[in-house]
Amino acid sequence: MPQPSEPLVGVLMGSQSDWETMRHCARQLTELGVPHEVKVMSAHRTPDLVLDYATSAAGRGLEVIIAAAGGAAHLAGLVAAKATLPVLAVPMESKLMGGLDSLLSMVQMPGGVPVATFAVGKAGAINAALFAAAILGLKYPQFRTAYETFRAQQTQRGVANQSPPASPT
């Protein structure tokens, strides 16, 4: 199957400050060869922009949307309410509750509006990218292969690092 040239994954962030975490998501998608786009838009400050993005996503060729936000963290829920694509949510760390507020805001969606929510912060950003690749791998063999290769390399690193670091004497 030919490599898609248009983005298949949309990576959304509620604010510019989320890039410090979400750059790990974008980097992981790039390493897996998954074409993606990155946008900043807020469910609270630019809701019409978010709604336009969500309703046009499938028609533009996107197949998965990853949405990251902190605090009230309504971005993923708003996108999921309007898009019929898989929506993956990444809660951002917050000063007040360390990201627990963001996590609970994303994970407590009403029945019928699914949002797959990942861990708070960097681990969640990376895992959302990997999960997006796994979803795309159902349709595109090259992304399945890239994901399987990543997992095999991860296992090899784990096997190679079974001993603790040497202690200084």
N, C-alpha and C. Protein backbone atom coordinates (compact mmCIF):
# COMPACT_ATOMS: atom_id res chain seq x y z
N MET A 1 0.85 -1.17 0.00
CA MET A 1 0.00 0.00 0.00
C MET A 1 0.90 1.24 0.00
N PRO A 2 0.59 2.24 -0.82
CA PRO A 2 1.44 3.43 -0.87
C PRO A 2 1.39 4.22 0.43
N GLN A 3 2.46 4.95 0.68
CA GLN A 3 2.56 5.79 1.88
C GLN A 3 1.66 7.01 1.70
N PRO A 4 0.74 7.25 2.64
CA PRO A 4 -0.09 8.45 2.55
C PRO A 4 0.79 9.70 2.67
N SER A 5 0.47 10.72 1.89
CA SER A 5 1.25 11.95 1.96
C SER A 5 0.55 13.01 2.80
N GLU A 6 -0.75 12.92 2.92
CA GLU A 6 -1.51 13.87 3.73
C GLU A 6 -1.56 13.38 5.18
N PRO A 7 -1.75 14.28 6.13
CA PRO A 7 -1.81 13.86 7.53
C PRO A 7 -2.94 12.86 7.80
N LEU A 8 -2.63 11.85 8.58
CA LEU A 8 -3.63 10.87 9.03
C LEU A 8 -3.99 11.09 10.49
N VAL A 9 -3.11 11.76 11.22
CA VAL A 9 -3.33 12.04 12.64
C VAL A 9 -3.29 13.54 12.86
N GLY A 10 -4.27 14.04 13.57
CA GLY A 10 -4.27 15.42 14.00
C GLY A 10 -3.88 15.48 15.46
N VAL A 11 -2.86 16.26 15.78
CA VAL A 11 -2.42 16.45 17.16
C VAL A 11 -2.83 17.86 17.57
N LEU A 12 -3.75 17.95 18.52
CA LEU A 12 -4.25 19.24 18.99
C LEU A 12 -3.77 19.51 20.40
N MET A 13 -3.51 20.78 20.67
CA MET A 13 -3.12 21.21 22.01
C MET A 13 -3.97 22.40 22.39
N GLY A 14 -4.34 22.46 23.66
CA GLY A 14 -5.16 23.57 24.14
C GLY A 14 -4.41 24.88 24.24
N SER A 15 -3.08 24.81 24.37
CA SER A 15 -2.28 26.05 24.43
C SER A 15 -0.85 25.76 23.99
N GLN A 16 -0.13 26.84 23.69
CA GLN A 16 1.26 26.73 23.27
C GLN A 16 2.11 26.02 24.33
N SER A 17 1.78 26.22 25.59
CA SER A 17 2.59 25.64 26.66
C SER A 17 2.53 24.11 26.68
N ASP A 18 1.54 23.52 26.03
CA ASP A 18 1.43 22.06 25.97
C ASP A 18 2.47 21.43 25.04
N TRP A 19 3.11 22.24 24.20
CA TRP A 19 4.08 21.71 23.24
C TRP A 19 5.26 21.03 23.93
N GLU A 20 5.67 21.53 25.08
CA GLU A 20 6.79 20.92 25.80
C GLU A 20 6.55 19.43 26.04
N THR A 21 5.31 19.06 26.28
CA THR A 21 4.94 17.65 26.45
C THR A 21 4.60 17.00 25.13
N MET A 22 3.81 17.66 24.31
CA MET A 22 3.29 17.04 23.09
C MET A 22 4.33 16.91 21.99
N ARG A 23 5.48 17.56 22.14
CA ARG A 23 6.54 17.35 21.15
C ARG A 23 6.99 15.90 21.16
N HIS A 24 6.85 15.23 22.29
CA HIS A 24 7.19 13.81 22.38
C HIS A 24 6.22 12.96 21.57
N CYS A 25 4.97 13.37 21.54
CA CYS A 25 3.97 12.69 20.71
C CYS A 25 4.30 12.87 19.24
N ALA A 26 4.56 14.11 18.84
CA ALA A 26 4.88 14.39 17.44
C ALA A 26 6.16 13.67 17.01
N ARG A 27 7.17 13.66 17.89
CA ARG A 27 8.41 12.97 17.56
C ARG A 27 8.17 11.47 17.38
N GLN A 28 7.35 10.88 18.25
CA GLN A 28 7.08 9.44 18.13
C GLN A 28 6.35 9.14 16.83
N LEU A 29 5.38 9.97 16.46
CA LEU A 29 4.68 9.78 15.19
C LEU A 29 5.66 9.88 14.02
N THR A 30 6.55 10.85 14.07
CA THR A 30 7.55 11.02 13.01
C THR A 30 8.45 9.79 12.93
N GLU A 31 8.92 9.30 14.07
CA GLU A 31 9.79 8.12 14.08
C GLU A 31 9.09 6.89 13.51
N LEU A 32 7.78 6.81 13.67
CA LEU A 32 7.01 5.69 13.12
C LEU A 32 6.60 5.93 11.67
N GLY A 33 6.90 7.10 11.14
CA GLY A 33 6.56 7.42 9.76
C GLY A 33 5.11 7.78 9.55
N VAL A 34 4.41 8.15 10.62
CA VAL A 34 2.98 8.48 10.53
C VAL A 34 2.82 9.96 10.18
N PRO A 35 2.21 10.27 9.03
CA PRO A 35 2.00 11.68 8.67
C PRO A 35 0.98 12.32 9.62
N HIS A 36 1.32 13.49 10.11
CA HIS A 36 0.46 14.15 11.09
C HIS A 36 0.57 15.66 10.97
N GLU A 37 -0.38 16.33 11.58
CA GLU A 37 -0.36 17.78 11.67
C GLU A 37 -0.50 18.15 13.14
N VAL A 38 0.03 19.31 13.50
CA VAL A 38 -0.02 19.78 14.88
C VAL A 38 -0.66 21.16 14.89
N LYS A 39 -1.67 21.33 15.74
CA LYS A 39 -2.39 22.61 15.82
C LYS A 39 -2.60 22.98 17.28
N VAL A 40 -2.71 24.27 17.54
CA VAL A 40 -3.07 24.78 18.86
C VAL A 40 -4.43 25.43 18.74
N MET A 41 -5.38 24.95 19.55
CA MET A 41 -6.72 25.55 19.60
C MET A 41 -7.35 25.19 20.93
N SER A 42 -8.17 26.08 21.43
CA SER A 42 -8.72 25.92 22.77
C SER A 42 -10.22 25.71 22.74
N ALA A 43 -10.69 24.75 23.52
CA ALA A 43 -12.13 24.52 23.64
C ALA A 43 -12.82 25.73 24.25
N HIS A 44 -12.09 26.52 25.02
CA HIS A 44 -12.69 27.66 25.71
C HIS A 44 -12.44 28.99 25.01
N ARG A 45 -11.25 29.18 24.43
CA ARG A 45 -10.92 30.46 23.80
C ARG A 45 -11.27 30.50 22.32
N THR A 46 -11.21 29.35 21.64
CA THR A 46 -11.52 29.30 20.20
C THR A 46 -12.44 28.11 19.89
N PRO A 47 -13.61 28.04 20.53
CA PRO A 47 -14.48 26.87 20.35
C PRO A 47 -14.96 26.67 18.92
N ASP A 48 -15.22 27.75 18.19
CA ASP A 48 -15.67 27.60 16.81
C ASP A 48 -14.58 26.98 15.94
N LEU A 49 -13.34 27.35 16.18
CA LEU A 49 -12.21 26.77 15.46
C LEU A 49 -12.12 25.27 15.74
N VAL A 50 -12.30 24.88 17.00
CA VAL A 50 -12.27 23.47 17.38
C VAL A 50 -13.40 22.71 16.69
N LEU A 51 -14.59 23.28 16.70
CA LEU A 51 -15.74 22.62 16.07
C LEU A 51 -15.53 22.47 14.57
N ASP A 52 -15.01 23.49 13.92
CA ASP A 52 -14.72 23.40 12.48
C ASP A 52 -13.69 22.30 12.21
N TYR A 53 -12.66 22.24 13.04
CA TYR A 53 -11.62 21.23 12.88
C TYR A 53 -12.22 19.83 13.03
N ALA A 54 -13.00 19.64 14.07
CA ALA A 54 -13.57 18.32 14.35
C ALA A 54 -14.53 17.87 13.25
N THR A 55 -15.36 18.76 12.77
CA THR A 55 -16.35 18.37 11.76
C THR A 55 -15.72 18.18 10.38
N SER A 56 -14.58 18.79 10.13
CA SER A 56 -13.94 18.65 8.81
C SER A 56 -12.83 17.60 8.79
N ALA A 57 -12.47 17.06 9.94
CA ALA A 57 -11.30 16.17 10.04
C ALA A 57 -11.37 14.97 9.12
N ALA A 58 -12.44 14.22 9.17
CA ALA A 58 -12.56 13.00 8.34
C ALA A 58 -12.53 13.35 6.86
N GLY A 59 -13.20 14.41 6.48
CA GLY A 59 -13.23 14.83 5.09
C GLY A 59 -11.88 15.27 4.57
N ARG A 60 -11.00 15.69 5.47
CA ARG A 60 -9.64 16.09 5.10
C ARG A 60 -8.68 14.92 5.13
N GLY A 61 -9.17 13.72 5.48
CA GLY A 61 -8.33 12.53 5.46
C GLY A 61 -7.77 12.09 6.80
N LEU A 62 -8.04 12.85 7.86
CA LEU A 62 -7.57 12.41 9.17
C LEU A 62 -8.31 11.14 9.58
N GLU A 63 -7.61 10.27 10.31
CA GLU A 63 -8.21 9.03 10.78
C GLU A 63 -8.18 8.89 12.29
N VAL A 64 -7.35 9.68 12.96
CA VAL A 64 -7.24 9.68 14.42
C VAL A 64 -6.93 11.11 14.86
N ILE A 65 -7.51 11.52 16.00
CA ILE A 65 -7.19 12.82 16.57
C ILE A 65 -6.67 12.61 17.99
N ILE A 66 -5.54 13.23 18.28
CA ILE A 66 -4.97 13.24 19.62
C ILE A 66 -5.15 14.65 20.17
N ALA A 67 -5.80 14.77 21.31
CA ALA A 67 -6.08 16.08 21.89
C ALA A 67 -5.49 16.18 23.29
N ALA A 68 -4.70 17.21 23.52
CA ALA A 68 -4.05 17.42 24.82
C ALA A 68 -4.50 18.73 25.41
N ALA A 69 -4.78 18.70 26.71
CA ALA A 69 -5.17 19.93 27.40
C ALA A 69 -4.97 19.74 28.89
N GLY A 70 -4.93 20.86 29.60
CA GLY A 70 -4.79 20.81 31.04
C GLY A 70 -5.95 21.51 31.72
N GLY A 71 -5.98 21.40 33.03
CA GLY A 71 -7.04 22.05 33.82
C GLY A 71 -8.40 21.45 33.53
N ALA A 72 -9.33 22.28 33.07
CA ALA A 72 -10.67 21.80 32.75
C ALA A 72 -10.63 20.78 31.62
N ALA A 73 -9.67 20.91 30.71
CA ALA A 73 -9.34 19.90 29.70
C ALA A 73 -10.52 19.43 28.87
N HIS A 74 -11.28 20.35 28.34
CA HIS A 74 -12.46 20.00 27.55
C HIS A 74 -12.19 19.77 26.07
N LEU A 75 -10.96 19.97 25.62
CA LEU A 75 -10.66 19.88 24.19
C LEU A 75 -11.02 18.52 23.60
N ALA A 76 -10.56 17.44 24.20
CA ALA A 76 -10.84 16.10 23.66
C ALA A 76 -12.34 15.82 23.64
N GLY A 77 -13.04 16.19 24.68
CA GLY A 77 -14.47 15.96 24.74
C GLY A 77 -15.23 16.73 23.69
N LEU A 78 -14.84 17.97 23.45
CA LEU A 78 -15.50 18.78 22.43
C LEU A 78 -15.24 18.19 21.05
N VAL A 79 -14.02 17.77 20.79
CA VAL A 79 -13.69 17.14 19.51
C VAL A 79 -14.49 15.86 19.34
N ALA A 80 -14.54 15.03 20.37
CA ALA A 80 -15.26 13.75 20.29
C ALA A 80 -16.76 13.96 20.09
N ALA A 81 -17.29 15.05 20.60
CA ALA A 81 -18.71 15.33 20.44
C ALA A 81 -19.08 15.61 18.99
N LYS A 82 -18.12 16.08 18.20
CA LYS A 82 -18.41 16.47 16.82
C LYS A 82 -17.76 15.58 15.77
N ALA A 83 -16.68 14.90 16.10
CA ALA A 83 -15.98 14.05 15.13
C ALA A 83 -16.39 12.60 15.33
N THR A 84 -16.39 11.84 14.25
CA THR A 84 -16.69 10.41 14.35
C THR A 84 -15.42 9.57 14.23
N LEU A 85 -14.29 10.19 14.45
CA LEU A 85 -13.00 9.51 14.43
C LEU A 85 -12.60 9.12 15.85
N PRO A 86 -11.66 8.18 16.00
CA PRO A 86 -11.13 7.91 17.33
C PRO A 86 -10.44 9.16 17.89
N VAL A 87 -10.77 9.50 19.13
CA VAL A 87 -10.16 10.65 19.80
C VAL A 87 -9.38 10.12 21.00
N LEU A 88 -8.09 10.45 21.02
CA LEU A 88 -7.18 10.03 22.08
C LEU A 88 -6.82 11.26 22.90
N ALA A 89 -7.01 11.20 24.20
CA ALA A 89 -6.79 12.35 25.06
C ALA A 89 -5.52 12.20 25.88
N VAL A 90 -4.76 13.29 25.95
CA VAL A 90 -3.55 13.33 26.77
C VAL A 90 -3.70 14.45 27.80
N PRO A 91 -3.88 14.10 29.07
CA PRO A 91 -3.98 15.13 30.10
C PRO A 91 -2.61 15.77 30.37
N MET A 92 -2.61 17.08 30.49
CA MET A 92 -1.39 17.81 30.79
C MET A 92 -1.24 17.98 32.30
N GLU A 93 0.01 18.02 32.75
CA GLU A 93 0.26 18.29 34.16
C GLU A 93 -0.21 19.70 34.49
N SER A 94 -0.72 19.87 35.69
CA SER A 94 -1.17 21.19 36.13
C SER A 94 -0.53 21.52 37.47
N LYS A 95 -0.44 22.79 37.78
CA LYS A 95 0.18 23.21 39.03
C LYS A 95 -0.69 22.85 40.23
N LEU A 96 -1.98 22.96 40.07
CA LEU A 96 -2.88 22.76 41.20
C LEU A 96 -2.95 21.31 41.66
N MET A 97 -3.14 20.39 40.73
CA MET A 97 -3.36 18.99 41.12
C MET A 97 -2.45 18.01 40.38
N GLY A 98 -1.40 18.52 39.75
CA GLY A 98 -0.44 17.65 39.07
C GLY A 98 -0.99 16.94 37.85
N GLY A 99 -2.13 17.36 37.36
CA GLY A 99 -2.73 16.74 36.18
C GLY A 99 -3.93 15.86 36.50
N LEU A 100 -4.18 15.61 37.78
CA LEU A 100 -5.34 14.80 38.15
C LEU A 100 -6.63 15.46 37.69
N ASP A 101 -6.70 16.78 37.81
CA ASP A 101 -7.88 17.50 37.34
C ASP A 101 -8.09 17.29 35.84
N SER A 102 -7.01 17.37 35.08
CA SER A 102 -7.08 17.16 33.63
C SER A 102 -7.51 15.73 33.31
N LEU A 103 -6.91 14.77 33.99
CA LEU A 103 -7.23 13.36 33.78
C LEU A 103 -8.70 13.08 34.04
N LEU A 104 -9.20 13.53 35.16
CA LEU A 104 -10.60 13.27 35.50
C LEU A 104 -11.55 13.96 34.52
N SER A 105 -11.19 15.14 34.08
CA SER A 105 -12.02 15.86 33.11
C SER A 105 -12.14 15.09 31.80
N MET A 106 -11.06 14.42 31.41
CA MET A 106 -11.05 13.69 30.14
C MET A 106 -11.66 12.30 30.25
N VAL A 107 -11.42 11.63 31.35
CA VAL A 107 -11.84 10.24 31.46
C VAL A 107 -13.33 10.11 31.80
N GLN A 108 -13.93 11.12 32.38
CA GLN A 108 -15.33 11.05 32.80
C GLN A 108 -16.28 11.56 31.71
N MET A 109 -16.19 10.96 30.53
CA MET A 109 -17.07 11.33 29.42
C MET A 109 -18.39 10.59 29.55
N PRO A 110 -19.48 11.21 29.09
CA PRO A 110 -20.77 10.52 29.14
C PRO A 110 -20.82 9.38 28.13
N GLY A 111 -21.64 8.38 28.40
CA GLY A 111 -21.81 7.28 27.47
C GLY A 111 -22.22 7.79 26.10
N GLY A 112 -21.64 7.23 25.07
CA GLY A 112 -21.95 7.64 23.71
C GLY A 112 -20.98 8.63 23.10
N VAL A 113 -20.08 9.17 23.91
CA VAL A 113 -19.06 10.11 23.42
C VAL A 113 -17.70 9.60 23.90
N PRO A 114 -17.16 8.58 23.21
CA PRO A 114 -15.93 7.95 23.71
C PRO A 114 -14.68 8.80 23.48
N VAL A 115 -13.85 8.82 24.51
CA VAL A 115 -12.53 9.43 24.45
C VAL A 115 -11.58 8.45 25.14
N ALA A 116 -10.57 7.98 24.42
CA ALA A 116 -9.57 7.09 25.01
C ALA A 116 -8.53 7.97 25.69
N THR A 117 -8.42 7.86 27.01
CA THR A 117 -7.57 8.76 27.78
C THR A 117 -6.31 8.04 28.24
N PHE A 118 -5.19 8.72 28.11
CA PHE A 118 -3.88 8.16 28.43
C PHE A 118 -3.33 8.79 29.71
N ALA A 119 -2.14 8.39 30.09
CA ALA A 119 -1.50 8.89 31.30
C ALA A 119 -1.22 10.39 31.19
N VAL A 120 -1.07 11.01 32.33
CA VAL A 120 -0.73 12.43 32.38
C VAL A 120 0.70 12.64 31.91
N GLY A 121 0.89 13.64 31.04
CA GLY A 121 2.24 14.07 30.68
C GLY A 121 2.91 13.29 29.57
N LYS A 122 4.25 13.26 29.64
CA LYS A 122 5.09 12.71 28.56
C LYS A 122 4.74 11.27 28.22
N ALA A 123 4.57 10.41 29.22
CA ALA A 123 4.24 9.00 28.94
C ALA A 123 2.93 8.90 28.17
N GLY A 124 1.95 9.69 28.55
CA GLY A 124 0.67 9.70 27.84
C GLY A 124 0.81 10.19 26.41
N ALA A 125 1.65 11.20 26.20
CA ALA A 125 1.88 11.73 24.85
C ALA A 125 2.50 10.68 23.95
N ILE A 126 3.49 9.98 24.46
CA ILE A 126 4.15 8.93 23.68
C ILE A 126 3.19 7.77 23.42
N ASN A 127 2.47 7.34 24.46
CA ASN A 127 1.55 6.22 24.29
C ASN A 127 0.39 6.55 23.35
N ALA A 128 -0.07 7.79 23.35
CA ALA A 128 -1.12 8.19 22.41
C ALA A 128 -0.62 8.05 20.97
N ALA A 129 0.62 8.45 20.72
CA ALA A 129 1.19 8.30 19.37
C ALA A 129 1.30 6.83 18.99
N LEU A 130 1.75 6.00 19.92
CA LEU A 130 1.87 4.57 19.65
C LEU A 130 0.50 3.94 19.40
N PHE A 131 -0.48 4.35 20.17
CA PHE A 131 -1.84 3.83 19.99
C PHE A 131 -2.41 4.26 18.65
N ALA A 132 -2.16 5.50 18.25
CA ALA A 132 -2.61 5.97 16.94
C ALA A 132 -1.98 5.13 15.83
N ALA A 133 -0.69 4.82 15.96
CA ALA A 133 -0.02 3.97 14.97
C ALA A 133 -0.62 2.58 14.95
N ALA A 134 -0.97 2.05 16.12
CA ALA A 134 -1.60 0.72 16.18
C ALA A 134 -2.96 0.74 15.49
N ILE A 135 -3.73 1.80 15.68
CA ILE A 135 -5.02 1.92 15.01
C ILE A 135 -4.81 1.97 13.50
N LEU A 136 -3.90 2.83 13.06
CA LEU A 136 -3.64 2.96 11.62
C LEU A 136 -3.08 1.67 11.04
N GLY A 137 -2.37 0.91 11.86
CA GLY A 137 -1.80 -0.36 11.42
C GLY A 137 -2.85 -1.39 11.01
N LEU A 138 -4.07 -1.21 11.44
CA LEU A 138 -5.15 -2.10 11.01
C LEU A 138 -5.46 -1.94 9.53
N LYS A 139 -5.16 -0.77 9.00
CA LYS A 139 -5.45 -0.45 7.59
C LYS A 139 -4.18 -0.35 6.75
N TYR A 140 -3.12 0.17 7.33
CA TYR A 140 -1.88 0.44 6.61
C TYR A 140 -0.78 -0.48 7.13
N PRO A 141 -0.34 -1.45 6.34
CA PRO A 141 0.68 -2.40 6.81
C PRO A 141 1.99 -1.73 7.25
N GLN A 142 2.37 -0.63 6.62
CA GLN A 142 3.64 0.01 6.97
C GLN A 142 3.62 0.55 8.41
N PHE A 143 2.47 0.98 8.89
CA PHE A 143 2.40 1.48 10.26
C PHE A 143 2.35 0.33 11.26
N ARG A 144 1.73 -0.76 10.86
CA ARG A 144 1.75 -1.96 11.71
C ARG A 144 3.19 -2.46 11.86
N THR A 145 3.91 -2.50 10.75
CA THR A 145 5.30 -2.93 10.78
C THR A 145 6.15 -1.99 11.63
N ALA A 146 5.94 -0.69 11.48
CA ALA A 146 6.70 0.29 12.27
C ALA A 146 6.42 0.12 13.76
N TYR A 147 5.16 -0.10 14.10
CA TYR A 147 4.79 -0.29 15.50
C TYR A 147 5.38 -1.59 16.05
N GLU A 148 5.29 -2.65 15.27
CA GLU A 148 5.86 -3.94 15.70
C GLU A 148 7.38 -3.84 15.87
N THR A 149 8.03 -3.10 14.98
CA THR A 149 9.48 -2.90 15.08
C THR A 149 9.82 -2.13 16.35
N PHE A 150 9.05 -1.08 16.63
CA PHE A 150 9.26 -0.32 17.87
C PHE A 150 9.17 -1.23 19.08
N ARG A 151 8.12 -2.05 19.13
CA ARG A 151 7.92 -2.94 20.28
C ARG A 151 9.06 -3.96 20.40
N ALA A 152 9.50 -4.49 19.28
CA ALA A 152 10.61 -5.46 19.31
C ALA A 152 11.89 -4.81 19.82
N GLN A 153 12.16 -3.59 19.37
CA GLN A 153 13.36 -2.87 19.82
C GLN A 153 13.26 -2.54 21.31
N GLN A 154 12.09 -2.19 21.75
CA GLN A 154 11.87 -1.91 23.17
C GLN A 154 12.16 -3.15 24.01
N THR A 155 11.70 -4.29 23.52
CA THR A 155 11.96 -5.56 24.22
C THR A 155 13.45 -5.86 24.24
N GLN A 156 14.12 -5.65 23.11
CA GLN A 156 15.57 -5.91 23.04
C GLN A 156 16.32 -5.03 24.03
N ARG A 157 15.93 -3.76 24.14
CA ARG A 157 16.59 -2.86 25.11
C ARG A 157 16.36 -3.36 26.54
N GLY A 158 15.17 -3.84 26.80
CA GLY A 158 14.87 -4.37 28.13
C GLY A 158 15.69 -5.60 28.46
N VAL A 159 15.84 -6.48 27.49
CA VAL A 159 16.63 -7.70 27.70
C VAL A 159 18.10 -7.34 27.91
N ALA A 160 18.58 -6.35 27.18
CA ALA A 160 19.99 -5.96 27.26
C ALA A 160 20.31 -5.21 28.56
N ASN A 161 19.30 -4.72 29.24
CA ASN A 161 19.51 -3.91 30.44
C ASN A 161 18.93 -4.56 31.69
N GLN A 162 19.21 -5.83 31.89
CA GLN A 162 18.65 -6.53 33.04
C GLN A 162 19.46 -6.35 34.31
N SER A 163 20.67 -5.88 34.19
CA SER A 163 21.51 -5.68 35.37
C SER A 163 21.47 -4.21 35.77
N PRO A 164 21.49 -3.94 37.08
CA PRO A 164 21.52 -2.54 37.50
C PRO A 164 22.87 -1.92 37.15
N PRO A 165 22.92 -0.61 37.08
CA PRO A 165 24.20 0.05 36.81
C PRO A 165 25.21 -0.30 37.90
N ALA A 166 26.46 -0.32 37.53
CA ALA A 166 27.53 -0.61 38.49
C ALA A 166 27.59 0.49 39.53
N SER A 167 27.76 0.11 40.77
CA SER A 167 27.86 1.09 41.85
C SER A 167 29.29 1.58 41.96
N PRO A 168 29.46 2.87 42.19
CA PRO A 168 30.82 3.37 42.40
C PRO A 168 31.36 2.81 43.72
N THR A 169 32.61 2.48 43.73
CA THR A 169 33.20 1.90 44.96
C THR A 169 33.91 2.92 45.79
